[in-house]
Amino acid sequence: MVVKKDKSQEARAEYQAKIKRKEIDIESFQQQQKSFEQSTNGFNATLNSAYGSLREIHDSERRWGVNADKQVEADARKASEVARLVREQNEQISQYFKQAKKQTLNEIDQLEKARQALPWD
């Protein structure tokens, strides 16, 4: 009995390994995005807490007769601007992760097509 070796077997195995690495890349992107979102949420919570503390200080100063209305307005504008910048940055980073995932999925499709195009003996 003679066992005939499939000439494309090794190439198919190589394509499968490349596809697996791309799938791992996608999982890594998702983990990085989740980590980034958690970090950003923590930053936003810290920012909100700090702004709340500033409001308390200004309220306390107002009770003691110190007029800090302009400072309160300035702090509110600063906090609002930082929050806007963080939101914009989050959107850009989210778009990056979506784009990277889409590109990787396209690469997987190309690898699968190339693997399927290999001849079977």
PDB file of N, CA and C in Angstrom:
ATOM      1  N   MET A   1       0.843  -1.171   0.000  1.00  0.00           N
ATOM      2  CA  MET A   1       0.000   0.000   0.000  1.00  0.00           C
ATOM      3  C   MET A   1       0.893   1.240   0.000  1.00  0.00           C
ATOM      4  N   VAL A   2       0.654   2.118  -0.908  1.00  0.00           N
ATOM      5  CA  VAL A   2       1.437   3.336  -1.037  1.00  0.00           C
ATOM      6  C   VAL A   2       0.569   4.510  -0.603  1.00  0.00           C
ATOM      7  N   VAL A   3       1.077   5.264   0.369  1.00  0.00           N
ATOM      8  CA  VAL A   3       0.351   6.443   0.833  1.00  0.00           C
ATOM      9  C   VAL A   3       0.849   7.638   0.034  1.00  0.00           C
ATOM     10  N   LYS A   4      -0.078   8.261  -0.610  1.00  0.00           N
ATOM     11  CA  LYS A   4       0.258   9.400  -1.443  1.00  0.00           C
ATOM     12  C   LYS A   4       0.155  10.667  -0.589  1.00  0.00           C
ATOM     13  N   LYS A   5       1.217  11.450  -0.555  1.00  0.00           N
ATOM     14  CA  LYS A   5       1.228  12.666   0.252  1.00  0.00           C
ATOM     15  C   LYS A   5       0.593  13.807  -0.538  1.00  0.00           C
ATOM     16  N   ASP A   6      -0.255  14.540   0.138  1.00  0.00           N
ATOM     17  CA  ASP A   6      -0.875  15.723  -0.462  1.00  0.00           C
ATOM     18  C   ASP A   6       0.195  16.800  -0.589  1.00  0.00           C
ATOM     19  N   LYS A   7       0.451  17.234  -1.811  1.00  0.00           N
ATOM     20  CA  LYS A   7       1.516  18.210  -2.058  1.00  0.00           C
ATOM     21  C   LYS A   7       1.245  19.562  -1.396  1.00  0.00           C
ATOM     22  N   SER A   8      -0.007  19.904  -1.209  1.00  0.00           N
ATOM     23  CA  SER A   8      -0.362  21.215  -0.652  1.00  0.00           C
ATOM     24  C   SER A   8      -0.627  21.171   0.853  1.00  0.00           C
ATOM     25  N   GLN A   9      -0.428  20.020   1.452  1.00  0.00           N
ATOM     26  CA  GLN A   9      -0.741  19.860   2.871  1.00  0.00           C
ATOM     27  C   GLN A   9       0.041  20.842   3.737  1.00  0.00           C
ATOM     28  N   GLU A  10       1.325  20.975   3.482  1.00  0.00           N
ATOM     29  CA  GLU A  10       2.153  21.887   4.281  1.00  0.00           C
ATOM     30  C   GLU A  10       1.729  23.335   4.077  1.00  0.00           C
ATOM     31  N   ALA A  11       1.438  23.704   2.855  1.00  0.00           N
ATOM     32  CA  ALA A  11       1.005  25.076   2.573  1.00  0.00           C
ATOM     33  C   ALA A  11      -0.315  25.369   3.275  1.00  0.00           C
ATOM     34  N   ARG A  12      -1.243  24.390   3.253  1.00  0.00           N
ATOM     35  CA  ARG A  12      -2.515  24.576   3.957  1.00  0.00           C
ATOM     36  C   ARG A  12      -2.285  24.747   5.453  1.00  0.00           C
ATOM     37  N   ALA A  13      -1.376  23.979   6.009  1.00  0.00           N
ATOM     38  CA  ALA A  13      -1.061  24.085   7.440  1.00  0.00           C
ATOM     39  C   ALA A  13      -0.466  25.458   7.756  1.00  0.00           C
ATOM     40  N   GLU A  14       0.383  25.966   6.862  1.00  0.00           N
ATOM     41  CA  GLU A  14       0.959  27.299   7.070  1.00  0.00           C
ATOM     42  C   GLU A  14      -0.123  28.371   7.034  1.00  0.00           C
ATOM     43  N   TYR A  15      -1.038  28.264   6.069  1.00  0.00           N
ATOM     44  CA  TYR A  15      -2.138  29.230   6.003  1.00  0.00           C
ATOM     45  C   TYR A  15      -2.995  29.152   7.259  1.00  0.00           C
ATOM     46  N   GLN A  16      -3.252  27.938   7.725  1.00  0.00           N
ATOM     47  CA  GLN A  16      -4.062  27.775   8.932  1.00  0.00           C
ATOM     48  C   GLN A  16      -3.377  28.423  10.131  1.00  0.00           C
ATOM     49  N   ALA A  17      -2.065  28.275  10.233  1.00  0.00           N
ATOM     50  CA  ALA A  17      -1.320  28.898  11.333  1.00  0.00           C
ATOM     51  C   ALA A  17      -1.394  30.423  11.240  1.00  0.00           C
ATOM     52  N   LYS A  18      -1.282  30.961  10.026  1.00  0.00           N
ATOM     53  CA  LYS A  18      -1.384  32.415   9.841  1.00  0.00           C
ATOM     54  C   LYS A  18      -2.772  32.913  10.218  1.00  0.00           C
ATOM     55  N   ILE A  19      -3.788  32.161   9.825  1.00  0.00           N
ATOM     56  CA  ILE A  19      -5.166  32.534  10.164  1.00  0.00           C
ATOM     57  C   ILE A  19      -5.347  32.534  11.675  1.00  0.00           C
ATOM     58  N   LYS A  20      -4.816  31.527  12.336  1.00  0.00           N
ATOM     59  CA  LYS A  20      -4.929  31.435  13.798  1.00  0.00           C
ATOM     60  C   LYS A  20      -4.258  32.635  14.461  1.00  0.00           C
ATOM     61  N   ARG A  21      -3.081  33.046  13.949  1.00  0.00           N
ATOM     62  CA  ARG A  21      -2.395  34.215  14.512  1.00  0.00           C
ATOM     63  C   ARG A  21      -3.234  35.473  14.334  1.00  0.00           C
ATOM     64  N   LYS A  22      -3.893  35.602  13.196  1.00  0.00           N
ATOM     65  CA  LYS A  22      -4.754  36.767  12.951  1.00  0.00           C
ATOM     66  C   LYS A  22      -5.950  36.761  13.899  1.00  0.00           C
ATOM     67  N   GLU A  23      -6.506  35.591  14.146  1.00  0.00           N
ATOM     68  CA  GLU A  23      -7.625  35.482  15.082  1.00  0.00           C
ATOM     69  C   GLU A  23      -7.181  35.869  16.492  1.00  0.00           C
ATOM     70  N   ILE A  24      -5.970  35.485  16.854  1.00  0.00           N
ATOM     71  CA  ILE A  24      -5.412  35.869  18.154  1.00  0.00           C
ATOM     72  C   ILE A  24      -5.210  37.378  18.202  1.00  0.00           C
ATOM     73  N   ASP A  25      -4.779  37.971  17.075  1.00  0.00           N
ATOM     74  CA  ASP A  25      -4.630  39.428  17.005  1.00  0.00           C
ATOM     75  C   ASP A  25      -5.956  40.125  17.282  1.00  0.00           C
ATOM     76  N   ILE A  26      -7.037  39.606  16.711  1.00  0.00           N
ATOM     77  CA  ILE A  26      -8.358  40.205  16.931  1.00  0.00           C
ATOM     78  C   ILE A  26      -8.731  40.133  18.405  1.00  0.00           C
ATOM     79  N   GLU A  27      -8.497  38.993  19.031  1.00  0.00           N
ATOM     80  CA  GLU A  27      -8.775  38.861  20.464  1.00  0.00           C
ATOM     81  C   GLU A  27      -7.945  39.858  21.261  1.00  0.00           C
ATOM     82  N   SER A  28      -6.702  40.037  20.861  1.00  0.00           N
ATOM     83  CA  SER A  28      -5.823  40.993  21.530  1.00  0.00           C
ATOM     84  C   SER A  28      -6.348  42.416  21.369  1.00  0.00           C
ATOM     85  N   PHE A  29      -6.806  42.761  20.160  1.00  0.00           N
ATOM     86  CA  PHE A  29      -7.390  44.093  19.935  1.00  0.00           C
ATOM     87  C   PHE A  29      -8.570  44.313  20.867  1.00  0.00           C
ATOM     88  N   GLN A  30      -9.419  43.300  20.982  1.00  0.00           N
ATOM     89  CA  GLN A  30     -10.602  43.427  21.826  1.00  0.00           C
ATOM     90  C   GLN A  30     -10.214  43.599  23.290  1.00  0.00           C
ATOM     91  N   GLN A  31      -9.200  42.872  23.746  1.00  0.00           N
ATOM     92  CA  GLN A  31      -8.738  43.014  25.126  1.00  0.00           C
ATOM     93  C   GLN A  31      -8.137  44.396  25.356  1.00  0.00           C
ATOM     94  N   GLN A  32      -7.361  44.870  24.396  1.00  0.00           N
ATOM     95  CA  GLN A  32      -6.763  46.199  24.524  1.00  0.00           C
ATOM     96  C   GLN A  32      -7.837  47.274  24.546  1.00  0.00           C
ATOM     97  N   GLN A  33      -8.857  47.119  23.704  1.00  0.00           N
ATOM     98  CA  GLN A  33      -9.928  48.104  23.676  1.00  0.00           C
ATOM     99  C   GLN A  33     -10.682  48.107  25.003  1.00  0.00           C
ATOM    100  N   LYS A  34     -10.973  46.930  25.536  1.00  0.00           N
ATOM    101  CA  LYS A  34     -11.678  46.840  26.813  1.00  0.00           C
ATOM    102  C   LYS A  34     -10.839  47.472  27.926  1.00  0.00           C
ATOM    103  N   SER A  35      -9.546  47.196  27.928  1.00  0.00           N
ATOM    104  CA  SER A  35      -8.645  47.774  28.925  1.00  0.00           C
ATOM    105  C   SER A  35      -8.616  49.292  28.808  1.00  0.00           C
ATOM    106  N   PHE A  36      -8.548  49.780  27.574  1.00  0.00           N
ATOM    107  CA  PHE A  36      -8.541  51.222  27.355  1.00  0.00           C
ATOM    108  C   PHE A  36      -9.838  51.850  27.851  1.00  0.00           C
ATOM    109  N   GLU A  37     -10.976  51.222  27.541  1.00  0.00           N
ATOM    110  CA  GLU A  37     -12.265  51.753  27.978  1.00  0.00           C
ATOM    111  C   GLU A  37     -12.351  51.796  29.500  1.00  0.00           C
ATOM    112  N   GLN A  38     -11.855  50.760  30.166  1.00  0.00           N
ATOM    113  CA  GLN A  38     -11.860  50.751  31.630  1.00  0.00           C
ATOM    114  C   GLN A  38     -10.979  51.864  32.180  1.00  0.00           C
ATOM    115  N   SER A  39      -9.830  52.055  31.567  1.00  0.00           N
ATOM    116  CA  SER A  39      -8.919  53.113  31.985  1.00  0.00           C
ATOM    117  C   SER A  39      -9.562  54.479  31.799  1.00  0.00           C
ATOM    118  N   THR A  40     -10.209  54.671  30.669  1.00  0.00           N
ATOM    119  CA  THR A  40     -10.866  55.943  30.384  1.00  0.00           C
ATOM    120  C   THR A  40     -12.018  56.186  31.350  1.00  0.00           C
ATOM    121  N   ASN A  41     -12.794  55.149  31.625  1.00  0.00           N
ATOM    122  CA  ASN A  41     -13.888  55.299  32.578  1.00  0.00           C
ATOM    123  C   ASN A  41     -13.356  55.675  33.954  1.00  0.00           C
ATOM    124  N   GLY A  42     -12.238  55.085  34.347  1.00  0.00           N
ATOM    125  CA  GLY A  42     -11.613  55.444  35.623  1.00  0.00           C
ATOM    126  C   GLY A  42     -11.154  56.889  35.624  1.00  0.00           C
ATOM    127  N   PHE A  43     -10.571  57.327  34.521  1.00  0.00           N
ATOM    128  CA  PHE A  43     -10.133  58.719  34.409  1.00  0.00           C
ATOM    129  C   PHE A  43     -11.326  59.665  34.506  1.00  0.00           C
ATOM    130  N   ASN A  44     -12.414  59.339  33.800  1.00  0.00           N
ATOM    131  CA  ASN A  44     -13.610  60.182  33.857  1.00  0.00           C
ATOM    132  C   ASN A  44     -14.182  60.240  35.268  1.00  0.00           C
ATOM    133  N   ALA A  45     -14.191  59.113  35.962  1.00  0.00           N
ATOM    134  CA  ALA A  45     -14.693  59.095  37.338  1.00  0.00           C
ATOM    135  C   ALA A  45     -13.822  59.972  38.230  1.00  0.00           C
ATOM    136  N   THR A  46     -12.500  59.900  38.045  1.00  0.00           N
ATOM    137  CA  THR A  46     -11.583  60.740  38.822  1.00  0.00           C
ATOM    138  C   THR A  46     -11.808  62.209  38.507  1.00  0.00           C
ATOM    139  N   LEU A  47     -11.979  62.523  37.234  1.00  0.00           N
ATOM    140  CA  LEU A  47     -12.232  63.905  36.820  1.00  0.00           C
ATOM    141  C   LEU A  47     -13.523  64.425  37.443  1.00  0.00           C
ATOM    142  N   ASN A  48     -14.582  63.634  37.387  1.00  0.00           N
ATOM    143  CA  ASN A  48     -15.860  64.047  37.973  1.00  0.00           C
ATOM    144  C   ASN A  48     -15.747  64.224  39.480  1.00  0.00           C
ATOM    145  N   SER A  49     -15.015  63.338  40.117  1.00  0.00           N
ATOM    146  CA  SER A  49     -14.807  63.445  41.563  1.00  0.00           C
ATOM    147  C   SER A  49     -14.032  64.710  41.911  1.00  0.00           C
ATOM    148  N   ALA A  50     -12.995  64.985  41.135  1.00  0.00           N
ATOM    149  CA  ALA A  50     -12.193  66.189  41.384  1.00  0.00           C
ATOM    150  C   ALA A  50     -13.027  67.444  41.172  1.00  0.00           C
ATOM    151  N   TYR A  51     -13.844  67.454  40.128  1.00  0.00           N
ATOM    152  CA  TYR A  51     -14.691  68.617  39.886  1.00  0.00           C
ATOM    153  C   TYR A  51     -15.707  68.769  41.012  1.00  0.00           C
ATOM    154  N   GLY A  52     -16.255  67.658  41.494  1.00  0.00           N
ATOM    155  CA  GLY A  52     -17.186  67.715  42.625  1.00  0.00           C
ATOM    156  C   GLY A  52     -16.511  68.283  43.865  1.00  0.00           C
ATOM    157  N   SER A  53     -15.267  67.899  44.092  1.00  0.00           N
ATOM    158  CA  SER A  53     -14.516  68.435  45.237  1.00  0.00           C
ATOM    159  C   SER A  53     -14.289  69.933  45.078  1.00  0.00           C
ATOM    160  N   LEU A  54     -13.974  70.374  43.873  1.00  0.00           N
ATOM    161  CA  LEU A  54     -13.808  71.815  43.628  1.00  0.00           C
ATOM    162  C   LEU A  54     -15.096  72.572  43.920  1.00  0.00           C
ATOM    163  N   ARG A  55     -16.216  72.005  43.483  1.00  0.00           N
ATOM    164  CA  ARG A  55     -17.513  72.656  43.750  1.00  0.00           C
ATOM    165  C   ARG A  55     -17.749  72.773  45.253  1.00  0.00           C
ATOM    166  N   GLU A  56     -17.412  71.729  45.993  1.00  0.00           N
ATOM    167  CA  GLU A  56     -17.584  71.775  47.445  1.00  0.00           C
ATOM    168  C   GLU A  56     -16.721  72.863  48.064  1.00  0.00           C
ATOM    169  N   ILE A  57     -15.487  72.980  47.590  1.00  0.00           N
ATOM    170  CA  ILE A  57     -14.590  74.027  48.106  1.00  0.00           C
ATOM    171  C   ILE A  57     -15.164  75.400  47.806  1.00  0.00           C
ATOM    172  N   HIS A  58     -15.631  75.607  46.582  1.00  0.00           N
ATOM    173  CA  HIS A  58     -16.198  76.906  46.220  1.00  0.00           C
ATOM    174  C   HIS A  58     -17.472  77.195  47.010  1.00  0.00           C
ATOM    175  N   ASP A  59     -18.294  76.174  47.227  1.00  0.00           N
ATOM    176  CA  ASP A  59     -19.499  76.360  48.041  1.00  0.00           C
ATOM    177  C   ASP A  59     -19.124  76.739  49.465  1.00  0.00           C
ATOM    178  N   SER A  60     -18.100  76.091  49.995  1.00  0.00           N
ATOM    179  CA  SER A  60     -17.621  76.407  51.344  1.00  0.00           C
ATOM    180  C   SER A  60     -17.099  77.837  51.410  1.00  0.00           C
ATOM    181  N   GLU A  61     -16.331  78.241  50.399  1.00  0.00           N
ATOM    182  CA  GLU A  61     -15.815  79.611  50.365  1.00  0.00           C
ATOM    183  C   GLU A  61     -16.951  80.615  50.278  1.00  0.00           C
ATOM    184  N   ARG A  62     -17.976  80.289  49.513  1.00  0.00           N
ATOM    185  CA  ARG A  62     -19.122  81.185  49.375  1.00  0.00           C
ATOM    186  C   ARG A  62     -19.819  81.367  50.722  1.00  0.00           C
ATOM    187  N   ARG A  63     -19.910  80.290  51.499  1.00  0.00           N
ATOM    188  CA  ARG A  63     -20.542  80.393  52.818  1.00  0.00           C
ATOM    189  C   ARG A  63     -19.742  81.305  53.744  1.00  0.00           C
ATOM    190  N   TRP A  64     -18.446  81.362  53.526  1.00  0.00           N
ATOM    191  CA  TRP A  64     -17.591  82.212  54.350  1.00  0.00           C
ATOM    192  C   TRP A  64     -17.452  83.621  53.765  1.00  0.00           C
ATOM    193  N   GLY A  65     -18.176  83.888  52.698  1.00  0.00           N
ATOM    194  CA  GLY A  65     -18.189  85.234  52.147  1.00  0.00           C
ATOM    195  C   GLY A  65     -17.185  85.480  51.041  1.00  0.00           C
ATOM    196  N   VAL A  66     -16.497  84.452  50.610  1.00  0.00           N
ATOM    197  CA  VAL A  66     -15.531  84.618  49.526  1.00  0.00           C
ATOM    198  C   VAL A  66     -16.285  84.423  48.206  1.00  0.00           C
ATOM    199  N   ASN A  67     -16.183  85.419  47.325  1.00  0.00           N
ATOM    200  CA  ASN A  67     -16.893  85.337  46.052  1.00  0.00           C
ATOM    201  C   ASN A  67     -15.992  84.651  45.020  1.00  0.00           C
ATOM    202  N   ALA A  68     -16.377  83.455  44.653  1.00  0.00           N
ATOM    203  CA  ALA A  68     -15.561  82.682  43.713  1.00  0.00           C
ATOM    204  C   ALA A  68     -16.373  82.257  42.493  1.00  0.00           C
ATOM    205  N   ASP A  69     -17.447  83.009  42.193  1.00  0.00           N
ATOM    206  CA  ASP A  69     -18.311  82.632  41.074  1.00  0.00           C
ATOM    207  C   ASP A  69     -17.550  82.531  39.754  1.00  0.00           C
ATOM    208  N   LYS A  70     -16.659  83.487  39.497  1.00  0.00           N
ATOM    209  CA  LYS A  70     -15.899  83.452  38.249  1.00  0.00           C
ATOM    210  C   LYS A  70     -14.982  82.228  38.204  1.00  0.00           C
ATOM    211  N   GLN A  71     -14.412  81.901  39.347  1.00  0.00           N
ATOM    212  CA  GLN A  71     -13.543  80.725  39.405  1.00  0.00           C
ATOM    213  C   GLN A  71     -14.345  79.446  39.181  1.00  0.00           C
ATOM    214  N   VAL A  72     -15.560  79.401  39.753  1.00  0.00           N
ATOM    215  CA  VAL A  72     -16.425  78.235  39.564  1.00  0.00           C
ATOM    216  C   VAL A  72     -16.748  78.070  38.080  1.00  0.00           C
ATOM    217  N   GLU A  73     -17.075  79.185  37.418  1.00  0.00           N
ATOM    218  CA  GLU A  73     -17.372  79.130  35.983  1.00  0.00           C
ATOM    219  C   GLU A  73     -16.151  78.663  35.187  1.00  0.00           C
ATOM    220  N   ALA A  74     -14.986  79.190  35.535  1.00  0.00           N
ATOM    221  CA  ALA A  74     -13.753  78.804  34.836  1.00  0.00           C
ATOM    222  C   ALA A  74     -13.464  77.315  35.041  1.00  0.00           C
ATOM    223  N   ASP A  75     -13.637  76.839  36.274  1.00  0.00           N
ATOM    224  CA  ASP A  75     -13.411  75.417  36.556  1.00  0.00           C
ATOM    225  C   ASP A  75     -14.403  74.538  35.793  1.00  0.00           C
ATOM    226  N   ALA A  76     -15.653  74.991  35.710  1.00  0.00           N
ATOM    227  CA  ALA A  76     -16.671  74.233  34.983  1.00  0.00           C
ATOM    228  C   ALA A  76     -16.309  74.157  33.499  1.00  0.00           C
ATOM    229  N   ARG A  77     -15.837  75.271  32.942  1.00  0.00           N
ATOM    230  CA  ARG A  77     -15.427  75.270  31.529  1.00  0.00           C
ATOM    231  C   ARG A  77     -14.238  74.332  31.316  1.00  0.00           C
ATOM    232  N   LYS A  78     -13.282  74.370  32.240  1.00  0.00           N
ATOM    233  CA  LYS A  78     -12.110  73.494  32.120  1.00  0.00           C
ATOM    234  C   LYS A  78     -12.523  72.022  32.174  1.00  0.00           C
ATOM    235  N   ALA A  79     -13.372  71.697  33.137  1.00  0.00           N
ATOM    236  CA  ALA A  79     -13.822  70.307  33.275  1.00  0.00           C
ATOM    237  C   ALA A  79     -14.600  69.869  32.035  1.00  0.00           C
ATOM    238  N   SER A  80     -15.424  70.759  31.523  1.00  0.00           N
ATOM    239  CA  SER A  80     -16.202  70.456  30.325  1.00  0.00           C
ATOM    240  C   SER A  80     -15.288  70.241  29.121  1.00  0.00           C
ATOM    241  N   GLU A  81     -14.269  71.077  28.988  1.00  0.00           N
ATOM    242  CA  GLU A  81     -13.325  70.959  27.870  1.00  0.00           C
ATOM    243  C   GLU A  81     -12.533  69.655  27.959  1.00  0.00           C
ATOM    244  N   VAL A  82     -12.084  69.312  29.152  1.00  0.00           N
ATOM    245  CA  VAL A  82     -11.346  68.055  29.327  1.00  0.00           C
ATOM    246  C   VAL A  82     -12.247  66.870  28.982  1.00  0.00           C
ATOM    247  N   ALA A  83     -13.493  66.907  29.446  1.00  0.00           N
ATOM    248  CA  ALA A  83     -14.430  65.819  29.146  1.00  0.00           C
ATOM    249  C   ALA A  83     -14.660  65.705  27.638  1.00  0.00           C
ATOM    250  N   ARG A  84     -14.768  66.845  26.952  1.00  0.00           N
ATOM    251  CA  ARG A  84     -14.956  66.838  25.499  1.00  0.00           C
ATOM    252  C   ARG A  84     -13.737  66.227  24.804  1.00  0.00           C
ATOM    253  N   LEU A  85     -12.551  66.642  25.236  1.00  0.00           N
ATOM    254  CA  LEU A  85     -11.323  66.102  24.645  1.00  0.00           C
ATOM    255  C   LEU A  85     -11.215  64.594  24.857  1.00  0.00           C
ATOM    256  N   VAL A  86     -11.569  64.146  26.045  1.00  0.00           N
ATOM    257  CA  VAL A  86     -11.521  62.712  26.348  1.00  0.00           C
ATOM    258  C   VAL A  86     -12.510  61.955  25.465  1.00  0.00           C
ATOM    259  N   ARG A  87     -13.725  62.502  25.304  1.00  0.00           N
ATOM    260  CA  ARG A  87     -14.722  61.860  24.438  1.00  0.00           C
ATOM    261  C   ARG A  87     -14.215  61.749  23.003  1.00  0.00           C
ATOM    262  N   GLU A  88     -13.649  62.847  22.490  1.00  0.00           N
ATOM    263  CA  GLU A  88     -13.128  62.832  21.118  1.00  0.00           C
ATOM    264  C   GLU A  88     -11.997  61.817  20.967  1.00  0.00           C
ATOM    265  N   GLN A  89     -11.119  61.780  21.958  1.00  0.00           N
ATOM    266  CA  GLN A  89     -10.003  60.825  21.924  1.00  0.00           C
ATOM    267  C   GLN A  89     -10.532  59.394  21.961  1.00  0.00           C
ATOM    268  N   ASN A  90     -11.539  59.158  22.791  1.00  0.00           N
ATOM    269  CA  ASN A  90     -12.147  57.824  22.870  1.00  0.00           C
ATOM    270  C   ASN A  90     -12.735  57.412  21.532  1.00  0.00           C
ATOM    271  N   GLU A  91     -13.403  58.339  20.867  1.00  0.00           N
ATOM    272  CA  GLU A  91     -13.997  58.040  19.568  1.00  0.00           C
ATOM    273  C   GLU A  91     -12.915  57.696  18.545  1.00  0.00           C
ATOM    274  N   GLN A  92     -11.830  58.456  18.546  1.00  0.00           N
ATOM    275  CA  GLN A  92     -10.739  58.186  17.611  1.00  0.00           C
ATOM    276  C   GLN A  92     -10.108  56.820  17.870  1.00  0.00           C
ATOM    277  N   ILE A  93      -9.891  56.512  19.123  1.00  0.00           N
ATOM    278  CA  ILE A  93      -9.275  55.226  19.469  1.00  0.00           C
ATOM    279  C   ILE A  93     -10.230  54.078  19.153  1.00  0.00           C
ATOM    280  N   SER A  94     -11.513  54.285  19.413  1.00  0.00           N
ATOM    281  CA  SER A  94     -12.504  53.267  19.077  1.00  0.00           C
ATOM    282  C   SER A  94     -12.518  53.018  17.572  1.00  0.00           C
ATOM    283  N   GLN A  95     -12.426  54.080  16.783  1.00  0.00           N
ATOM    284  CA  GLN A  95     -12.365  53.937  15.329  1.00  0.00           C
ATOM    285  C   GLN A  95     -11.106  53.175  14.915  1.00  0.00           C
ATOM    286  N   TYR A  96      -9.999  53.456  15.592  1.00  0.00           N
ATOM    287  CA  TYR A  96      -8.752  52.738  15.292  1.00  0.00           C
ATOM    288  C   TYR A  96      -8.933  51.235  15.510  1.00  0.00           C
ATOM    289  N   PHE A  97      -9.511  50.866  16.663  1.00  0.00           N
ATOM    290  CA  PHE A  97      -9.702  49.447  16.959  1.00  0.00           C
ATOM    291  C   PHE A  97     -10.645  48.798  15.942  1.00  0.00           C
ATOM    292  N   LYS A  98     -11.707  49.514  15.561  1.00  0.00           N
ATOM    293  CA  LYS A  98     -12.635  48.978  14.565  1.00  0.00           C
ATOM    294  C   LYS A  98     -11.927  48.774  13.231  1.00  0.00           C
ATOM    295  N   GLN A  99     -11.123  49.753  12.848  1.00  0.00           N
ATOM    296  CA  GLN A  99     -10.396  49.671  11.582  1.00  0.00           C
ATOM    297  C   GLN A  99      -9.380  48.519  11.600  1.00  0.00           C
ATOM    298  N   ALA A 100      -8.664  48.392  12.709  1.00  0.00           N
ATOM    299  CA  ALA A 100      -7.671  47.318  12.828  1.00  0.00           C
ATOM    300  C   ALA A 100      -8.352  45.953  12.766  1.00  0.00           C
ATOM    301  N   LYS A 101      -9.494  45.834  13.427  1.00  0.00           N
ATOM    302  CA  LYS A 101     -10.230  44.568  13.402  1.00  0.00           C
ATOM    303  C   LYS A 101     -10.720  44.266  11.987  1.00  0.00           C
ATOM    304  N   LYS A 102     -11.263  45.283  11.321  1.00  0.00           N
ATOM    305  CA  LYS A 102     -11.764  45.090   9.956  1.00  0.00           C
ATOM    306  C   LYS A 102     -10.633  44.663   9.020  1.00  0.00           C
ATOM    307  N   GLN A 103      -9.489  45.319   9.136  1.00  0.00           N
ATOM    308  CA  GLN A 103      -8.343  44.979   8.292  1.00  0.00           C
ATOM    309  C   GLN A 103      -7.879  43.549   8.558  1.00  0.00           C
ATOM    310  N   THR A 104      -7.832  43.174   9.823  1.00  0.00           N
ATOM    311  CA  THR A 104      -7.399  41.821  10.179  1.00  0.00           C
ATOM    312  C   THR A 104      -8.388  40.779   9.658  1.00  0.00           C
ATOM    313  N   LEU A 105      -9.687  41.076   9.755  1.00  0.00           N
ATOM    314  CA  LEU A 105     -10.687  40.150   9.213  1.00  0.00           C
ATOM    315  C   LEU A 105     -10.541  40.011   7.697  1.00  0.00           C
ATOM    316  N   ASN A 106     -10.237  41.117   7.027  1.00  0.00           N
ATOM    317  CA  ASN A 106      -9.995  41.054   5.579  1.00  0.00           C
ATOM    318  C   ASN A 106      -8.774  40.190   5.265  1.00  0.00           C
ATOM    319  N   GLU A 107      -7.728  40.327   6.077  1.00  0.00           N
ATOM    320  CA  GLU A 107      -6.527  39.511   5.884  1.00  0.00           C
ATOM    321  C   GLU A 107      -6.841  38.031   6.089  1.00  0.00           C
ATOM    322  N   ILE A 108      -7.675  37.739   7.082  1.00  0.00           N
ATOM    323  CA  ILE A 108      -8.083  36.347   7.320  1.00  0.00           C
ATOM    324  C   ILE A 108      -8.836  35.816   6.105  1.00  0.00           C
ATOM    325  N   ASP A 109      -9.751  36.627   5.570  1.00  0.00           N
ATOM    326  CA  ASP A 109     -10.493  36.205   4.371  1.00  0.00           C
ATOM    327  C   ASP A 109      -9.549  35.895   3.213  1.00  0.00           C
ATOM    328  N   GLN A 110      -8.555  36.757   3.014  1.00  0.00           N
ATOM    329  CA  GLN A 110      -7.599  36.538   1.928  1.00  0.00           C
ATOM    330  C   GLN A 110      -6.799  35.252   2.144  1.00  0.00           C
ATOM    331  N   LEU A 111      -6.384  35.022   3.385  1.00  0.00           N
ATOM    332  CA  LEU A 111      -5.639  33.796   3.689  1.00  0.00           C
ATOM    333  C   LEU A 111      -6.499  32.555   3.462  1.00  0.00           C
ATOM    334  N   GLU A 112      -7.766  32.633   3.875  1.00  0.00           N
ATOM    335  CA  GLU A 112      -8.658  31.488   3.677  1.00  0.00           C
ATOM    336  C   GLU A 112      -8.891  31.219   2.197  1.00  0.00           C
ATOM    337  N   LYS A 113      -9.046  32.287   1.412  1.00  0.00           N
ATOM    338  CA  LYS A 113      -9.220  32.106  -0.038  1.00  0.00           C
ATOM    339  C   LYS A 113      -7.975  31.474  -0.657  1.00  0.00           C
ATOM    340  N   ALA A 114      -6.808  31.940  -0.241  1.00  0.00           N
ATOM    341  CA  ALA A 114      -5.562  31.381  -0.774  1.00  0.00           C
ATOM    342  C   ALA A 114      -5.414  29.917  -0.371  1.00  0.00           C
ATOM    343  N   ARG A 115      -5.783  29.611   0.865  1.00  0.00           N
ATOM    344  CA  ARG A 115      -5.694  28.222   1.337  1.00  0.00           C
ATOM    345  C   ARG A 115      -6.656  27.329   0.562  1.00  0.00           C
ATOM    346  N   GLN A 116      -7.867  27.827   0.334  1.00  0.00           N
ATOM    347  CA  GLN A 116      -8.863  27.034  -0.392  1.00  0.00           C
ATOM    348  C   GLN A 116      -8.495  26.857  -1.863  1.00  0.00           C
ATOM    349  N   ALA A 117      -7.713  27.791  -2.390  1.00  0.00           N
ATOM    350  CA  ALA A 117      -7.311  27.708  -3.801  1.00  0.00           C
ATOM    351  C   ALA A 117      -6.208  26.679  -4.041  1.00  0.00           C
ATOM    352  N   LEU A 118      -5.593  26.208  -2.973  1.00  0.00           N
ATOM    353  CA  LEU A 118      -4.535  25.203  -3.135  1.00  0.00           C
ATOM    354  C   LEU A 118      -5.128  23.915  -3.698  1.00  0.00           C
ATOM    355  N   PRO A 119      -4.399  23.282  -4.600  1.00  0.00           N
ATOM    356  CA  PRO A 119      -4.922  22.041  -5.210  1.00  0.00           C
ATOM    357  C   PRO A 119      -4.884  20.874  -4.221  1.00  0.00           C
ATOM    358  N   TRP A 120      -5.867  20.003  -4.375  1.00  0.00           N
ATOM    359  CA  TRP A 120      -5.894  18.753  -3.610  1.00  0.00           C
ATOM    360  C   TRP A 120      -5.414  17.640  -4.531  1.00  0.00           C
ATOM    361  N   ASP A 121      -4.522  16.849  -4.047  1.00  0.00           N
ATOM    362  CA  ASP A 121      -4.002  15.737  -4.862  1.00  0.00           C
ATOM    363  C   ASP A 121      -4.864  14.514  -4.687  1.00  0.00           C
TER     364      ASP A 121
END
